[in-house]
Protein backbone atom coordinates (compact mmCIF):
# COMPACT_ATOMS: atom_id res chain seq x y z
CA MET A 1 -0.01 -0.01 -0.06
CA SER A 2 1.77 2.98 -1.19
CA LEU A 3 1.21 6.72 0.67
CA THR A 4 -0.34 9.74 -0.40
CA ALA A 5 3.06 13.31 -1.07
CA ALA A 6 0.62 14.17 2.51
CA GLU A 7 0.79 11.17 4.49
CA LEU A 8 4.42 10.63 3.75
CA VAL A 9 4.71 14.34 4.83
CA ARG A 10 2.93 13.21 8.33
CA ALA A 11 4.81 10.13 8.47
CA ASP A 12 8.08 12.12 7.93
CA GLN A 13 7.09 15.11 10.19
CA GLU A 14 6.21 12.30 12.95
CA HIS A 15 8.98 9.53 12.59
CA LEU A 16 12.23 10.46 11.18
CA ILE A 17 14.75 12.89 13.15
CA HIS A 18 16.58 15.06 10.78
CA PRO A 19 20.11 16.46 11.19
CA LEU A 20 19.48 19.88 12.64
CA HIS A 21 16.25 18.72 14.17
CA HIS A 22 13.75 20.82 14.53
CA PRO A 23 10.15 21.17 14.09
CA VAL A 24 10.15 24.98 13.14
CA ASP A 25 12.29 24.07 9.96
CA ASN A 26 10.23 20.80 9.16
CA ALA A 27 6.98 22.61 8.77
CA SER A 28 7.09 22.34 4.85
CA THR A 29 8.88 19.09 4.04
CA VAL A 30 9.71 18.61 0.70
CA ILE A 31 10.37 15.35 -0.37
CA TYR A 32 12.37 14.48 -3.18
CA VAL A 33 12.05 11.55 -5.22
CA ARG A 34 14.57 11.39 -8.61
CA GLY A 35 17.55 12.99 -10.07
CA ARG A 36 19.64 13.61 -13.63
CA GLY A 37 22.87 14.93 -13.93
CA ALA A 38 22.18 18.65 -11.81
CA VAL A 39 18.42 18.77 -11.95
CA VAL A 40 16.30 16.78 -9.24
CA GLN A 41 12.79 16.12 -8.93
CA ASP A 42 10.24 16.61 -6.08
CA ILE A 43 7.75 14.33 -5.39
CA ASP A 44 4.86 16.72 -6.82
CA GLY A 45 6.87 17.25 -10.46
CA HIS A 46 8.43 20.28 -9.62
CA GLU A 47 12.03 20.35 -11.08
CA TYR A 48 15.51 22.07 -9.64
CA ILE A 49 18.64 22.93 -10.75
CA ASP A 50 20.57 21.29 -7.75
CA GLY A 51 23.05 24.29 -6.87
CA LEU A 52 24.50 22.28 -3.43
CA SER A 53 25.31 19.04 -5.04
CA GLY A 54 22.77 17.53 -2.31
CA LEU A 55 25.34 18.68 0.16
CA TRP A 56 28.44 19.36 -1.32
CA ASN A 57 28.59 15.64 -2.52
CA VAL A 58 27.17 14.68 -5.85
CA ASN A 59 30.10 15.71 -8.14
CA VAL A 60 29.15 13.21 -11.25
CA GLY A 61 25.79 14.77 -10.93
CA HIS A 62 22.84 12.43 -9.95
CA GLY A 63 21.36 9.31 -12.24
CA ARG A 64 24.28 7.84 -13.07
CA ALA A 65 23.34 4.23 -13.85
CA GLU A 66 27.56 3.28 -14.17
CA LEU A 67 27.69 3.65 -10.37
CA ALA A 68 24.48 1.56 -8.89
CA GLU A 69 25.63 -0.81 -12.19
CA ALA A 70 29.07 -1.27 -9.96
CA ALA A 71 27.07 -1.15 -6.79
CA ALA A 72 25.26 -4.21 -8.42
CA ALA A 73 27.48 -6.28 -9.13
CA GLN A 74 29.80 -6.28 -6.19
CA MET A 75 26.71 -7.06 -3.80
CA LYS A 76 26.20 -10.16 -6.10
CA GLU A 77 30.01 -11.35 -5.10
CA LEU A 78 30.71 -9.97 -2.07
CA ALA A 79 28.00 -7.52 -0.39
CA TYR A 80 30.20 -6.81 2.86
CA PHE A 81 33.18 -8.38 4.70
CA SER A 82 35.07 -7.37 7.91
CA GLY A 83 38.38 -5.38 6.68
CA PHE A 84 39.00 -5.67 10.46
CA VAL A 85 43.36 -6.50 10.14
CA GLY A 86 43.67 -9.63 8.73
CA SER A 87 40.79 -10.18 6.33
CA SER A 88 40.82 -7.73 3.23
CA ASN A 89 38.97 -7.95 -0.09
CA ILE A 90 39.70 -6.72 -3.71
CA PRO A 91 37.95 -3.30 -4.36
CA SER A 92 39.49 -2.40 -0.87
CA ILE A 93 42.56 -2.91 -2.14
CA LEU A 94 42.43 -1.31 -5.12
CA LEU A 95 40.86 1.86 -4.21
CA ALA A 96 43.42 1.99 -1.63
CA GLU A 97 46.51 2.34 -4.41
CA ARG A 98 43.89 4.53 -6.68
CA LEU A 99 43.71 7.48 -3.99
CA LEU A 100 47.01 7.14 -3.48
CA GLU A 101 47.81 7.41 -7.16
CA LEU A 102 45.77 10.95 -6.74
CA THR A 103 48.24 11.97 -4.77
CA ASP A 104 51.05 11.67 -6.54
CA HIS A 105 52.15 9.16 -3.83
CA THR A 106 53.39 11.75 -2.00
CA MET A 107 51.01 10.33 0.49
CA GLN A 108 51.23 6.04 1.31
CA ALA A 109 48.52 4.51 2.92
CA VAL A 110 44.87 4.77 3.30
CA PHE A 111 41.92 4.04 6.31
CA LEU A 112 38.30 3.92 5.10
CA THR A 113 35.39 5.15 6.90
CA SER A 114 31.97 5.50 6.35
CA GLY A 115 32.07 9.31 6.04
CA GLY A 116 33.46 12.74 6.88
CA ALA A 117 33.23 12.91 10.46
CA GLU A 118 34.62 9.94 11.62
CA ALA A 119 37.46 10.70 8.73
CA ASN A 120 38.29 13.46 10.87
CA GLU A 121 38.16 11.84 14.05
CA SER A 122 40.35 9.14 12.71
CA ALA A 123 42.69 11.87 11.92
CA PHE A 124 42.44 13.63 15.24
CA LYS A 125 43.24 10.05 16.87
CA THR A 126 45.80 9.04 14.43
CA ALA A 127 47.52 12.38 15.64
CA ARG A 128 47.74 11.52 18.81
CA PHE A 129 48.75 8.04 18.17
CA TYR A 130 51.83 8.78 16.06
CA TRP A 131 53.22 11.33 18.84
CA LYS A 132 52.36 8.72 21.76
CA ALA A 133 54.47 6.51 19.82
CA ARG A 134 57.32 8.69 18.83
CA GLY A 135 57.62 9.39 22.82
CA GLN A 136 56.10 12.45 22.93
CA PRO A 137 52.91 11.42 24.75
CA GLY A 138 51.76 14.83 25.83
CA LYS A 139 51.27 16.31 22.76
CA VAL A 140 47.17 15.93 21.96
CA LYS A 141 46.20 19.41 21.55
CA ILE A 142 44.25 20.08 17.71
CA ILE A 143 44.40 23.77 16.32
CA ALA A 144 41.19 24.32 14.40
CA ARG A 145 40.13 27.71 12.98
CA ASP A 146 37.08 29.70 13.51
CA GLN A 147 33.96 28.73 10.95
CA ALA A 148 35.72 25.99 10.14
CA TYR A 149 33.04 22.86 9.75
CA HIS A 150 35.25 18.87 10.38
CA GLY A 151 31.58 16.65 11.68
CA LEU A 152 29.44 16.80 14.76
CA THR A 153 30.35 13.63 16.35
CA LEU A 154 31.68 15.00 20.17
CA GLN A 155 35.37 15.09 19.34
CA THR A 156 35.04 16.70 15.47
CA MET A 157 31.97 19.18 16.78
CA SER A 158 35.02 20.22 19.27
CA ALA A 159 37.41 20.98 16.07
CA THR A 160 34.02 22.30 14.06
CA GLY A 161 34.49 26.49 14.54
CA MET A 162 31.03 27.82 13.75
CA GLY A 163 29.22 29.01 16.28
CA PRO A 164 27.58 28.19 19.92
CA GLY A 165 24.70 26.69 18.08
CA TYR A 166 26.36 23.40 17.42
CA TRP A 167 27.86 22.98 20.39
CA LYS A 168 25.64 24.47 23.92
CA MET A 169 23.68 21.68 23.90
CA PHE A 170 25.99 18.88 24.18
CA GLU A 171 28.52 20.65 25.66
CA PRO A 172 31.11 20.32 27.32
CA ARG A 173 33.28 20.20 24.72
CA VAL A 174 35.99 17.16 24.40
CA PRO A 175 39.37 18.54 25.68
CA GLY A 176 42.49 19.87 23.61
CA PHE A 177 40.79 22.06 20.30
CA VAL A 178 42.21 25.21 20.03
CA HIS A 179 40.18 28.22 17.99
CA ILE A 180 42.29 30.57 15.90
CA GLN A 181 41.32 33.42 13.52
CA THR A 182 41.00 31.81 10.17
CA CYS A 183 42.88 33.59 6.53
CA TYR A 184 39.45 35.44 5.86
CA PRO A 185 40.51 38.13 3.95
CA TYR A 186 36.64 40.31 3.51
CA ARG A 187 37.08 40.62 7.59
CA TYR A 188 40.33 39.44 8.98
CA GLN A 189 41.49 41.48 12.55
CA GLY A 190 44.28 41.91 13.50
CA ALA A 191 46.71 41.78 10.29
CA LYS A 192 50.13 44.26 11.25
CA PRO A 193 51.24 47.07 8.94
CA GLY A 194 52.33 45.55 5.91
CA GLU A 195 51.18 42.15 6.31
CA SER A 196 48.78 40.15 4.22
CA VAL A 197 46.14 38.42 5.27
CA GLY A 198 47.42 34.84 4.73
CA GLN A 199 50.81 36.31 6.27
CA ALA A 200 48.53 37.21 9.78
CA ALA A 201 46.28 34.05 10.14
CA ALA A 202 49.74 31.90 9.52
CA ARG A 203 51.68 33.81 12.26
CA GLU A 204 48.42 33.62 14.77
CA LEU A 205 48.90 29.92 14.18
CA GLU A 206 52.61 29.89 15.43
CA GLU A 207 51.21 32.26 17.50
CA ALA A 208 48.99 29.90 19.10
CA ILE A 209 51.77 26.77 19.29
CA LEU A 210 53.80 28.85 21.14
CA ARG A 211 51.17 30.06 23.95
CA GLU A 212 50.09 26.19 23.91
CA GLY A 213 52.96 25.36 24.19
CA PRO A 214 54.50 22.91 21.10
CA ASP A 215 55.01 19.40 23.15
CA THR A 216 51.38 20.43 23.56
CA VAL A 217 50.09 20.33 19.86
CA ALA A 218 49.64 17.52 17.88
CA ALA A 219 48.01 18.47 15.14
CA PHE A 220 46.85 21.40 13.39
CA VAL A 221 43.34 21.21 10.94
CA GLY A 222 41.64 22.69 8.27
CA GLU A 223 39.70 22.95 5.32
CA PRO A 224 41.55 24.14 2.03
CA ILE A 225 38.57 26.48 1.08
CA HIS A 226 36.40 27.00 4.03
CA GLY A 227 32.83 24.86 2.85
CA ALA A 228 29.46 25.43 5.25
CA GLY A 229 31.67 28.39 6.96
CA GLY A 230 31.19 30.52 4.16
CA VAL A 231 33.76 29.70 0.99
CA PHE A 232 35.92 31.65 2.81
CA TYR A 233 39.12 31.87 -0.36
CA PRO A 234 42.76 32.09 1.28
CA THR A 235 45.37 34.44 0.06
CA GLU A 236 48.09 32.59 -2.08
CA ASP A 237 50.65 33.12 0.50
CA TYR A 238 48.68 31.09 3.20
CA TRP A 239 48.68 27.38 3.35
CA PRO A 240 52.69 27.56 1.92
CA ARG A 241 53.34 29.46 5.44
CA VAL A 242 50.97 27.34 6.86
CA ARG A 243 52.81 23.88 6.30
CA GLU A 244 55.97 25.86 7.59
CA VAL A 245 54.83 26.76 10.59
CA CYS A 246 53.22 23.63 11.44
CA THR A 247 56.93 21.85 10.17
CA ARG A 248 59.01 24.16 12.32
CA HIS A 249 57.12 23.13 15.71
CA ASP A 250 56.82 19.75 14.88
CA VAL A 251 53.14 19.92 14.66
CA LEU A 252 51.19 17.75 12.15
CA LEU A 253 48.79 19.50 9.47
CA ILE A 254 45.65 17.14 8.76
CA ASP A 255 43.99 19.01 5.47
CA ASP A 256 40.67 18.43 5.49
CA GLU A 257 39.48 17.85 1.88
CA ILE A 258 35.95 16.34 2.54
CA ILE A 259 34.09 19.22 0.28
CA THR A 260 36.81 20.12 -2.04
CA GLY A 261 38.47 16.96 -2.82
CA PHE A 262 37.61 14.94 -5.69
CA GLY A 263 37.31 17.34 -8.53
CA ARG A 264 35.29 20.10 -6.33
CA THR A 265 38.29 23.51 -7.20
CA GLY A 266 39.07 21.49 -10.53
CA ARG A 267 42.08 19.61 -8.90
CA TRP A 268 41.96 16.29 -7.30
CA PHE A 269 42.79 18.19 -3.91
CA GLY A 270 41.87 20.91 -3.08
CA LEU A 271 45.17 21.77 -0.73
CA SER A 272 47.86 21.29 -4.16
CA HIS A 273 46.57 24.58 -5.94
CA TRP A 274 49.21 25.33 -3.49
CA ASN A 275 51.31 22.68 -3.66
CA VAL A 276 51.30 21.94 0.16
CA THR A 277 51.49 18.04 0.88
CA PRO A 278 50.44 17.64 4.56
CA ASP A 279 50.63 14.62 6.99
CA ILE A 280 46.78 13.44 6.74
CA LEU A 281 44.80 14.33 4.65
CA SER A 282 41.24 13.66 5.23
CA PHE A 283 38.17 12.32 2.57
CA ALA A 284 34.97 12.00 1.19
CA LYS A 285 31.46 13.05 -0.13
CA GLY A 286 32.36 13.74 -3.47
CA VAL A 287 35.00 10.28 -3.45
CA THR A 288 31.43 8.25 -3.84
CA SER A 289 29.65 11.35 -5.71
CA GLY A 290 27.40 10.20 -2.36
CA TYR A 291 25.82 7.02 -4.07
CA LEU A 292 27.00 5.09 -1.14
CA PRO A 293 28.69 6.16 2.59
CA LEU A 294 32.37 6.07 2.31
CA GLY A 295 35.13 8.53 4.01
CA GLY A 296 38.54 8.06 4.98
CA ILE A 297 42.25 9.16 5.63
CA MET A 298 45.46 9.28 3.70
CA VAL A 299 48.89 9.24 5.40
CA THR A 300 52.56 10.56 5.04
CA ARG A 301 55.06 7.15 4.71
CA ALA A 302 56.52 8.72 7.71
CA ILE A 303 53.16 8.29 9.73
CA LYS A 304 52.50 4.97 8.49
CA GLU A 305 56.59 3.69 9.50
CA VAL A 306 55.41 5.04 12.81
CA MET A 307 52.03 2.46 12.74
CA ASP A 308 54.05 -0.09 11.32
CA SER A 309 56.80 -0.15 13.92
CA VAL A 310 55.52 0.08 17.28
CA GLU A 311 54.53 -3.09 19.94
CA PRO A 312 51.90 -5.14 19.16
CA ASP A 313 50.75 -4.23 22.49
CA ASP A 314 50.67 -0.78 21.41
CA ARG A 315 49.02 -1.09 17.96
CA TRP A 316 46.69 1.63 16.72
CA MET A 317 43.25 0.51 18.28
CA HIS A 318 40.78 1.94 15.94
CA ALA A 319 38.49 0.28 14.01
CA TYR A 320 34.64 0.72 13.02
CA THR A 321 32.49 -1.85 10.68
CA ASN A 322 31.98 -0.68 7.74
CA SER A 323 35.42 -0.20 6.80
CA GLY A 324 36.76 -1.05 3.81
CA HIS A 325 32.99 -2.25 2.84
CA PRO A 326 33.73 -3.93 -0.77
CA THR A 327 30.32 -2.57 -1.91
CA CYS A 328 31.64 1.62 -1.24
CA CYS A 329 34.50 0.71 -2.20
CA ALA A 330 33.72 -0.84 -5.92
CA VAL A 331 31.49 2.37 -6.59
CA ALA A 332 33.80 4.84 -5.18
CA LEU A 333 36.05 3.12 -7.74
CA LYS A 334 34.17 3.83 -11.08
CA ASN A 335 32.93 7.32 -9.63
CA ILE A 336 36.55 8.56 -10.09
CA GLU A 337 36.71 6.47 -13.40
CA ILE A 338 33.46 8.32 -14.36
CA LEU A 339 35.58 11.83 -12.90
CA GLN A 340 38.35 10.95 -14.60
CA ARG A 341 36.77 9.91 -17.92
CA GLU A 342 34.79 12.40 -18.78
CA ARG A 343 37.37 15.01 -17.02
CA LEU A 344 34.66 16.35 -14.63
CA GLY A 345 37.72 18.88 -12.79
CA GLU A 346 38.10 20.42 -16.32
CA ASN A 347 34.61 21.23 -16.31
CA ALA A 348 34.22 22.55 -12.58
CA ALA A 349 37.22 25.16 -13.58
CA LYS A 350 35.78 25.97 -16.81
CA MET A 351 32.33 26.43 -15.22
CA GLY A 352 33.41 27.80 -12.00
CA ALA A 353 35.13 30.92 -14.07
CA ARG A 354 32.07 31.55 -15.73
CA LEU A 355 30.44 30.98 -12.42
CA GLN A 356 32.05 33.92 -11.20
CA ALA A 357 31.89 35.60 -14.05
CA GLY A 358 28.57 35.37 -13.86
CA LEU A 359 28.40 36.10 -10.27
CA GLN A 360 30.64 39.41 -10.21
CA ALA A 361 28.29 40.73 -13.50
CA ALA A 362 24.97 40.21 -11.90
CA LEU A 363 26.13 41.22 -8.29
CA GLY A 364 29.18 43.15 -7.82
CA ASP A 365 28.05 46.67 -8.43
CA GLN A 366 24.97 45.82 -5.90
CA PRO A 367 25.07 48.02 -3.06
CA SER A 368 24.66 44.89 -0.77
CA THR A 369 26.87 43.11 -1.96
CA GLY A 370 29.68 42.84 0.08
CA ASP A 371 32.22 39.79 -1.17
CA ILE A 372 31.77 37.54 -4.07
CA ARG A 373 33.95 34.64 -3.31
CA GLY A 374 35.05 31.54 -6.37
CA GLY A 375 37.35 31.01 -8.69
CA LYS A 376 38.54 28.02 -7.97
CA GLY A 377 36.45 24.91 -9.34
CA LEU A 378 32.80 24.82 -8.80
CA LEU A 379 32.85 26.38 -4.76
CA ALA A 380 31.30 30.26 -4.53
CA ALA A 381 29.49 32.01 -2.39
CA VAL A 382 28.06 35.85 -2.09
CA GLU A 383 28.21 37.44 1.41
CA PHE A 384 25.78 40.21 1.44
CA VAL A 385 25.25 43.61 4.03
CA GLU A 386 24.10 46.53 5.51
CA ASP A 387 26.35 48.62 4.56
CA ARG A 388 29.64 47.79 2.49
CA ALA A 389 31.25 50.63 3.38
CA THR A 390 31.22 49.70 6.89
CA LYS A 391 30.39 46.09 6.39
CA LYS A 392 27.75 46.09 8.76
CA ASN A 393 25.22 43.22 8.91
CA PHE A 394 21.59 42.61 8.34
CA ALA A 395 19.51 42.35 11.50
CA LYS A 396 18.89 39.29 12.42
CA ASP A 397 14.63 40.00 12.82
CA LEU A 398 15.18 40.17 9.28
CA ARG A 399 15.60 36.90 8.01
CA PHE A 400 17.80 37.70 4.67
CA ALA A 401 19.19 34.40 4.27
CA ALA A 402 16.43 32.37 4.95
CA ARG A 403 14.45 34.67 2.55
CA LEU A 404 16.83 34.78 0.22
CA LYS A 405 17.24 30.66 -0.05
CA ALA A 406 13.13 30.53 -0.40
CA GLU A 407 13.37 32.90 -3.27
CA MET A 408 15.85 30.58 -5.09
CA MET A 409 13.80 27.98 -4.59
CA ARG A 410 10.64 29.96 -6.53
CA ARG A 411 12.93 30.33 -8.98
CA GLY A 412 13.71 26.73 -9.66
CA VAL A 413 17.41 26.17 -7.61
CA ILE A 414 17.98 24.31 -4.34
CA THR A 415 21.09 26.08 -2.44
CA ARG A 416 22.60 26.50 1.04
CA THR A 417 22.52 29.91 2.95
CA ARG A 418 24.01 30.79 5.95
CA PRO A 419 22.59 34.01 8.37
CA ALA A 420 24.70 36.20 9.94
CA LEU A 421 25.61 35.76 12.96
CA GLY A 422 26.39 38.83 14.61
CA ALA A 423 27.88 42.24 13.96
CA HIS A 424 31.09 42.70 11.80
CA PRO A 425 33.60 40.98 12.22
CA ALA A 426 30.85 38.28 12.24
CA GLN A 427 30.33 37.29 8.68
CA GLY A 428 27.39 38.32 6.60
CA ASP A 429 24.29 36.53 5.29
CA ILE A 430 25.66 34.30 2.95
CA LEU A 431 24.69 32.69 -0.45
CA PHE A 432 26.40 29.08 -1.16
CA PHE A 433 26.84 27.66 -5.18
CA ALA A 434 28.45 24.16 -5.46
CA PRO A 435 26.93 22.46 -8.17
CA PRO A 436 27.84 19.02 -9.54
CA LEU A 437 30.66 19.12 -11.76
CA VAL A 438 28.17 18.47 -14.88
CA VAL A 439 26.13 21.20 -14.73
CA SER A 440 26.26 23.10 -18.00
CA GLU A 441 26.91 26.78 -19.35
CA ALA A 442 23.21 27.13 -19.82
CA GLU A 443 22.41 26.10 -15.75
CA ILE A 444 25.04 27.89 -14.53
CA ASP A 445 22.80 31.08 -16.19
CA ARG A 446 19.95 29.81 -14.52
CA LEU A 447 21.76 30.06 -11.14
CA VAL A 448 23.36 33.65 -11.40
CA GLY A 449 20.13 35.05 -13.41
CA ALA A 450 18.06 33.05 -10.29
CA ALA A 451 19.87 34.95 -7.60
CA ARG A 452 20.19 38.16 -9.57
CA ASP A 453 16.42 38.42 -9.36
CA ALA A 454 16.04 36.63 -5.75
CA VAL A 455 18.73 39.31 -4.07
CA GLU A 456 16.49 41.87 -6.06
CA VAL A 457 13.30 40.46 -4.51
CA VAL A 458 15.01 39.97 -0.78
CA LEU A 459 16.55 44.05 -0.83
CA SER A 460 13.00 44.83 -0.98
CA ALA A 461 11.03 43.40 0.99
CA VAL A 462 14.37 43.56 3.49
CA GLY A 463 13.94 47.30 2.69
CA SER A 464 10.12 48.04 3.19
CA SER A 465 11.10 46.27 6.67
CA THR A 466 13.97 48.45 7.90
CA VAL A 467 11.89 51.52 6.70
CA SER A 468 8.68 50.34 8.79
CA ARG A 469 10.80 50.39 11.82
């Protein structure tokens, strides 16, 4: 017996707990039923451009029969078996080899998880393990950045720096996590005369390491380009300086590529834009384009050798049931094949340039456009302010971001917005763009047109609200 759309919505509201759950945000549930390329369709037949690739992850686009076939073929042979030490399977071995090739073998070994939070959890634990095995058990702290998103398990939540909303109902946080400013050129505070924002932000990292004590700091973690926090693009001098600081003070560099990996920025991995090699690289999302859950970490030869050299009683005692899941690995292999065969990284770079130019043309002269960010693949954002000269943000009760998201959807575009958290230097209201890497020129132009029209409507409404106060 099939349920009607209304019955499905009611069942969803009563029985399904969603991520970031609250019924106030679930009053008008949209149920999606199919997708093709960069377009998805809801249960009522309405079509939308997927402006955020599902959740930054459907890189090869929706409706890829090849990926379904790869999953089915593997399931018919061996759907699952434990990947705990002493047993293995062919897809996980082949995937590990392929992933290391994508790093030009700067990485040596791979551990597989079910998703991004598990990947970063594994990265943090591995950093601590490494220093304990090296005879420096006091090196346990992780330095993260404001506006970072690294997951919402208890430890990764403690690294996530997107404001108290993610913390307050789950505290106390895991101790040993330190936050510093990120390289946010539009709003960074504290750069010295003659110092670039990248130089200042890297200096702030070094000062934090020295303040905490290098003998207490295990690692620094960062996204090459922030994702959920606001798509903050660093200055070109930032990441090379961060690498130098970490090396100078014996601090591991954890590169969170969960959003920026697998062609999203026009390259296999985002940090390669700056020719920087991390010590640990975490990945998820685009590795399977979201068709099945998969994530993991890659580590350098130095870390792998330490893992292999400890006594059995001191082994790397970390595990997940689904580590090396054969079906997920088979899908990842086919997904990487598609990305490479169709040169989707190149298309991401081309379409990203078109998106950036379109946003500049459509919104660059708008008085409430504070900052337009993009230029490295299909990862862009526009930050809006009430006053461009002072960077004053819109008041919270105006609900600028929420209104903008709703207007985009009315124009057939699904995306995400982030509301301003307070006065400058807190970020303003942000509109995100991260469509599938298969997106066409016409679809990019529709995204830009929808944004232009939606912004005009919202600014008109917000202006009326301001006048009526």
